[in-house]
Amino acid sequence: MLRPELRCCPDAAALAHEVAVAFVVHAREAIAARGCFCVALAGGGTPRLLYETLAGLPAAAAPDWSKVHVFFGDERCVPPDDARSNYRMARVALLDAVPLPPANIHRLHGEDMPQAAAAAYARELRRVFGSAAVPRFDLILLGVGGDGHTASLFPGTAVLYVHDAWVRAQYVEVQHEWRLTLTLPVINAARAVWVLAAGADKAAILHDLRHGPWQPEVWPLQFVNPNVGEYRWWLDAAACAGLGKTE
């Protein structure tokens, strides 16, 4: 496992602020270099606080939203207005509050049949990223679950070993639901991958992920290993407990 750079913040609010500042820097650099900024969003409470922080930025401190393209790292197979939808959370927290062109929002269609939705998203990635062997996002945001999953890459699932597809549908038995997810080749091709985690309930698992044995079948986040990109864990003090700030 590639050892990520640690960024430990005093609390969840400080975490959201610091990530928002870094998000804007990355967006501006990508726009200057390539004309647009392609980011894949994550679900969960910590990302939601980040999105609300970004939504509250004054125009002078915000990225040029007209050149930002928003994607999603994973989605539940539910309609876009369902309370469990990652898209709905992002829309309420961020997308409806910023001048982002509708054509720049690329959501996973969780309301469709899972396999068809995965194939359609792969086609959308191909349309946007062109002939690249693997899409190279400027930034992919991830969370970490209590079972070590990230995006919708769950322990013991076949999608962990997919190398010939960009998007997959996977029935997650422990969740009793279908999920859609970017695959590891896409995640690991990103220019930057940031894992966001806050709260004391994440401290033990982050310790095991960083200091425990290599067992990615059990802890899928251990498979995250950006090939040539930046890899960073953004944590609050509670989640960072036991890791040390200067490893």
Protein backbone atom coordinates (compact mmCIF):
# COMPACT_ATOMS: atom_id res chain seq x y z
CA MET A 1 0.00 0.00 0.00
CA LEU A 2 1.29 3.44 -0.94
CA ARG A 3 1.60 5.45 2.26
CA PRO A 4 -0.56 8.53 1.83
CA GLU A 5 0.39 11.98 2.95
CA LEU A 6 -1.46 12.85 6.14
CA ARG A 7 -3.24 16.14 6.73
CA CYS A 8 -4.69 16.27 10.25
CA CYS A 9 -7.02 19.16 11.07
CA PRO A 10 -8.35 20.24 14.48
CA ASP A 11 -11.98 19.37 13.79
CA ALA A 12 -14.45 18.58 11.02
CA ALA A 13 -15.12 22.25 10.25
CA ALA A 14 -11.40 23.01 9.89
CA LEU A 15 -11.05 19.90 7.75
CA ALA A 16 -13.78 21.08 5.39
CA HIS A 17 -12.21 24.54 5.16
CA GLU A 18 -8.70 23.27 4.43
CA VAL A 19 -9.90 20.79 1.82
CA ALA A 20 -12.03 23.50 0.19
CA VAL A 21 -8.99 25.77 -0.14
CA ALA A 22 -6.93 22.94 -1.63
CA PHE A 23 -9.83 21.98 -3.93
CA VAL A 24 -9.90 25.50 -5.38
CA VAL A 25 -6.13 25.50 -5.89
CA HIS A 26 -6.30 22.16 -7.73
CA ALA A 27 -9.23 23.34 -9.82
CA ARG A 28 -7.48 26.54 -10.88
CA GLU A 29 -4.28 24.68 -11.73
CA ALA A 30 -6.15 22.12 -13.82
CA ILE A 31 -8.12 24.80 -15.66
CA ALA A 32 -4.94 26.74 -16.39
CA ALA A 33 -3.17 23.60 -17.65
CA ARG A 34 -5.95 21.74 -19.46
CA GLY A 35 -8.93 24.07 -19.73
CA CYS A 36 -11.19 22.21 -17.31
CA PHE A 37 -11.23 20.48 -13.92
CA CYS A 38 -12.68 16.96 -13.71
CA VAL A 39 -13.56 15.83 -10.20
CA ALA A 40 -15.34 12.73 -8.91
CA LEU A 41 -17.35 13.37 -5.76
CA ALA A 42 -17.91 11.05 -2.82
CA GLY A 43 -20.93 10.52 -0.62
CA GLY A 44 -21.04 10.73 3.16
CA GLY A 45 -21.17 13.26 5.95
CA THR A 46 -17.58 14.55 5.76
CA PRO A 47 -17.77 15.25 2.01
CA ARG A 48 -21.15 16.92 2.54
CA LEU A 49 -19.56 19.44 4.91
CA LEU A 50 -16.89 20.11 2.29
CA TYR A 51 -19.53 20.68 -0.39
CA GLU A 52 -21.42 23.09 1.85
CA THR A 53 -18.17 24.95 2.48
CA LEU A 54 -17.45 25.19 -1.24
CA ALA A 55 -21.00 26.40 -1.87
CA GLY A 56 -20.48 29.21 0.62
CA LEU A 57 -17.30 30.58 -0.93
CA PRO A 58 -17.50 34.10 -2.36
CA ALA A 59 -17.05 34.25 -6.11
CA ALA A 60 -13.51 35.63 -5.83
CA ALA A 61 -12.41 32.62 -3.77
CA ALA A 62 -14.23 29.98 -5.81
CA PRO A 63 -13.10 28.09 -8.90
CA ASP A 64 -14.47 28.98 -12.32
CA TRP A 65 -17.47 26.68 -12.04
CA SER A 66 -18.18 26.99 -15.75
CA LYS A 67 -15.05 24.92 -16.35
CA VAL A 68 -15.62 22.32 -13.64
CA HIS A 69 -16.97 18.89 -14.61
CA VAL A 70 -18.51 16.92 -11.76
CA PHE A 71 -18.64 13.13 -11.75
CA PHE A 72 -19.38 10.61 -9.01
CA GLY A 73 -17.19 7.85 -7.68
CA ASP A 74 -20.12 5.65 -6.82
CA GLU A 75 -23.86 5.59 -6.39
CA ARG A 76 -26.61 3.51 -4.90
CA CYS A 77 -29.10 2.11 -7.38
CA VAL A 78 -31.86 4.47 -6.33
CA PRO A 79 -33.65 7.39 -8.05
CA PRO A 80 -31.89 10.77 -7.99
CA ASP A 81 -34.40 12.22 -5.51
CA ASP A 82 -33.97 9.35 -3.03
CA ALA A 83 -32.53 10.39 0.34
CA ARG A 84 -29.81 7.72 -0.06
CA SER A 85 -28.59 9.10 -3.39
CA ASN A 86 -25.06 10.53 -3.45
CA TYR A 87 -26.14 12.75 -6.32
CA ARG A 88 -29.03 14.16 -4.32
CA MET A 89 -26.75 14.96 -1.39
CA ALA A 90 -24.25 16.71 -3.64
CA ARG A 91 -27.00 18.58 -5.46
CA VAL A 92 -28.52 19.91 -2.25
CA ALA A 93 -25.17 20.72 -0.61
CA LEU A 94 -23.32 22.14 -3.60
CA LEU A 95 -24.53 21.77 -7.14
CA ASP A 96 -27.71 23.84 -6.84
CA ALA A 97 -25.78 26.62 -5.08
CA VAL A 98 -23.03 27.30 -7.63
CA PRO A 99 -23.10 28.44 -11.28
CA LEU A 100 -22.27 25.02 -12.66
CA PRO A 101 -23.64 24.38 -16.17
CA PRO A 102 -26.06 21.42 -16.14
CA ALA A 103 -24.09 19.83 -18.98
CA ASN A 104 -21.06 19.71 -16.67
CA ILE A 105 -22.81 17.43 -14.17
CA HIS A 106 -22.31 13.77 -15.03
CA ARG A 107 -24.32 11.63 -12.65
CA LEU A 108 -24.63 7.88 -12.37
CA HIS A 109 -28.19 6.90 -13.25
CA GLY A 110 -29.01 4.77 -10.26
CA GLU A 111 -32.65 4.54 -11.29
CA ASP A 112 -31.77 2.46 -14.35
CA MET A 113 -31.00 -1.25 -14.44
CA PRO A 114 -27.61 -1.63 -12.76
CA GLN A 115 -25.66 -3.21 -15.60
CA ALA A 116 -27.11 -0.78 -18.13
CA ALA A 117 -26.33 2.17 -15.86
CA ALA A 118 -22.70 1.06 -15.49
CA ALA A 119 -22.30 0.67 -19.25
CA ALA A 120 -23.88 4.07 -19.87
CA TYR A 121 -21.52 5.78 -17.42
CA ALA A 122 -18.52 4.13 -19.06
CA ARG A 123 -19.73 5.55 -22.39
CA GLU A 124 -20.08 8.99 -20.79
CA LEU A 125 -16.52 8.79 -19.49
CA ARG A 126 -15.35 7.82 -22.95
CA ARG A 127 -17.24 10.76 -24.45
CA VAL A 128 -15.67 13.26 -22.04
CA PHE A 129 -12.16 11.83 -21.75
CA GLY A 130 -11.84 10.71 -25.35
CA SER A 131 -9.45 7.98 -26.39
CA ALA A 132 -7.48 7.76 -23.14
CA ALA A 133 -6.65 4.20 -22.11
CA VAL A 134 -8.08 5.08 -18.69
CA PRO A 135 -9.84 8.33 -17.70
CA ARG A 136 -7.48 10.54 -15.74
CA PHE A 137 -9.46 12.63 -13.27
CA ASP A 138 -7.86 15.72 -11.83
CA LEU A 139 -9.23 14.76 -8.41
CA ILE A 140 -11.13 11.82 -6.95
CA LEU A 141 -12.63 12.23 -3.50
CA LEU A 142 -13.15 9.12 -1.39
CA GLY A 143 -14.45 8.25 2.04
CA VAL A 144 -13.80 5.20 4.18
CA GLY A 145 -16.43 2.98 5.73
CA GLY A 146 -16.23 1.15 9.00
CA ASP A 147 -15.60 -2.06 7.08
CA GLY A 148 -12.74 -0.57 5.07
CA HIS A 149 -14.72 -0.01 1.90
CA THR A 150 -14.24 3.04 -0.28
CA ALA A 151 -16.46 4.24 -3.13
CA SER A 152 -18.58 1.06 -3.54
CA LEU A 153 -15.59 -1.27 -3.34
CA PHE A 154 -16.64 -3.56 -0.51
CA PRO A 155 -14.68 -6.36 1.18
CA GLY A 156 -14.83 -9.67 -0.61
CA THR A 157 -16.56 -8.39 -3.74
CA ALA A 158 -15.55 -9.30 -7.27
CA VAL A 159 -15.29 -5.66 -8.36
CA LEU A 160 -12.02 -5.39 -6.40
CA TYR A 161 -10.34 -7.43 -9.11
CA VAL A 162 -11.85 -5.80 -12.19
CA HIS A 163 -9.16 -4.48 -14.52
CA ASP A 164 -10.99 -4.42 -17.85
CA ALA A 165 -13.82 -1.98 -17.09
CA TRP A 166 -14.09 1.59 -15.87
CA VAL A 167 -17.47 1.28 -14.13
CA ARG A 168 -19.15 -1.74 -12.61
CA ALA A 169 -22.47 -2.63 -11.03
CA GLN A 170 -22.14 -4.78 -7.93
CA TYR A 171 -24.73 -6.30 -5.62
CA VAL A 172 -23.44 -5.72 -2.09
CA GLU A 173 -24.83 -8.48 0.08
CA VAL A 174 -24.14 -6.79 3.42
CA GLN A 175 -25.99 -3.68 2.24
CA HIS A 176 -28.77 -5.62 0.49
CA GLU A 177 -28.55 -3.31 -2.50
CA TRP A 178 -27.03 -2.77 -5.91
CA ARG A 179 -24.26 -0.19 -6.22
CA LEU A 180 -22.43 1.45 -9.11
CA THR A 181 -18.77 2.30 -8.75
CA LEU A 182 -15.67 3.47 -10.54
CA THR A 183 -13.14 0.66 -10.62
CA LEU A 184 -9.67 0.67 -9.15
CA PRO A 185 -7.86 1.26 -12.47
CA VAL A 186 -9.77 4.55 -12.82
CA ILE A 187 -9.23 5.59 -9.20
CA ASN A 188 -5.52 4.82 -9.33
CA ALA A 189 -5.04 6.76 -12.58
CA ALA A 190 -6.18 10.06 -11.03
CA ARG A 191 -3.86 13.03 -10.70
CA ALA A 192 -4.95 13.32 -7.07
CA VAL A 193 -6.87 11.02 -4.73
CA TRP A 194 -8.03 12.42 -1.41
CA VAL A 195 -9.60 10.33 1.34
CA LEU A 196 -11.75 12.35 3.75
CA ALA A 197 -12.53 11.01 7.22
CA ALA A 198 -13.70 12.59 10.46
CA GLY A 199 -14.71 11.26 13.85
CA ALA A 200 -13.33 8.97 16.53
CA ASP A 201 -15.15 6.00 14.97
CA LYS A 202 -12.68 6.13 12.06
CA ALA A 203 -9.49 6.17 14.17
CA ALA A 204 -9.12 2.41 14.68
CA ILE A 205 -9.76 1.46 11.09
CA LEU A 206 -7.39 4.12 9.76
CA HIS A 207 -4.72 2.81 12.13
CA ASP A 208 -5.25 -0.74 10.86
CA LEU A 209 -5.25 0.41 7.24
CA ARG A 210 -1.97 2.27 7.66
CA HIS A 211 -0.11 0.09 10.13
CA GLY A 212 -1.79 -3.29 9.87
CA PRO A 213 -1.06 -6.18 7.50
CA TRP A 214 -1.63 -6.03 3.77
CA GLN A 215 -5.07 -7.59 3.36
CA PRO A 216 -6.98 -5.58 0.74
CA GLU A 217 -9.61 -8.27 0.37
CA VAL A 218 -10.59 -7.26 3.92
CA TRP A 219 -9.64 -3.56 3.72
CA PRO A 220 -10.33 -2.46 0.11
CA LEU A 221 -8.90 1.01 0.70
CA GLN A 222 -5.48 -0.67 0.74
CA PHE A 223 -5.91 -1.23 -3.01
CA VAL A 224 -5.93 2.54 -3.59
CA ASN A 225 -2.48 3.27 -4.93
CA PRO A 226 -2.38 6.19 -7.40
CA ASN A 227 0.09 5.36 -10.14
CA VAL A 228 1.61 8.79 -10.64
CA GLY A 229 -0.73 11.01 -8.67
CA GLU A 230 -0.94 12.63 -5.28
CA TYR A 231 -2.42 10.51 -2.50
CA ARG A 232 -3.58 12.27 0.64
CA TRP A 233 -5.68 11.47 3.69
CA TRP A 234 -7.50 14.50 5.09
CA LEU A 235 -8.52 13.75 8.69
CA ASP A 236 -9.79 15.57 11.73
CA ALA A 237 -7.99 15.18 15.06
CA ALA A 238 -10.32 12.45 16.26
CA ALA A 239 -9.84 10.32 13.16
CA CYS A 240 -6.10 11.03 13.18
CA ALA A 241 -5.62 9.80 16.76
CA GLY A 242 -2.94 7.14 16.89
CA LEU A 243 -1.53 7.82 13.42
CA GLY A 244 0.80 10.65 14.33
CA LYS A 245 0.96 13.94 12.46
CA THR A 246 4.54 13.73 11.26
CA GLU A 247 4.90 10.17 9.95
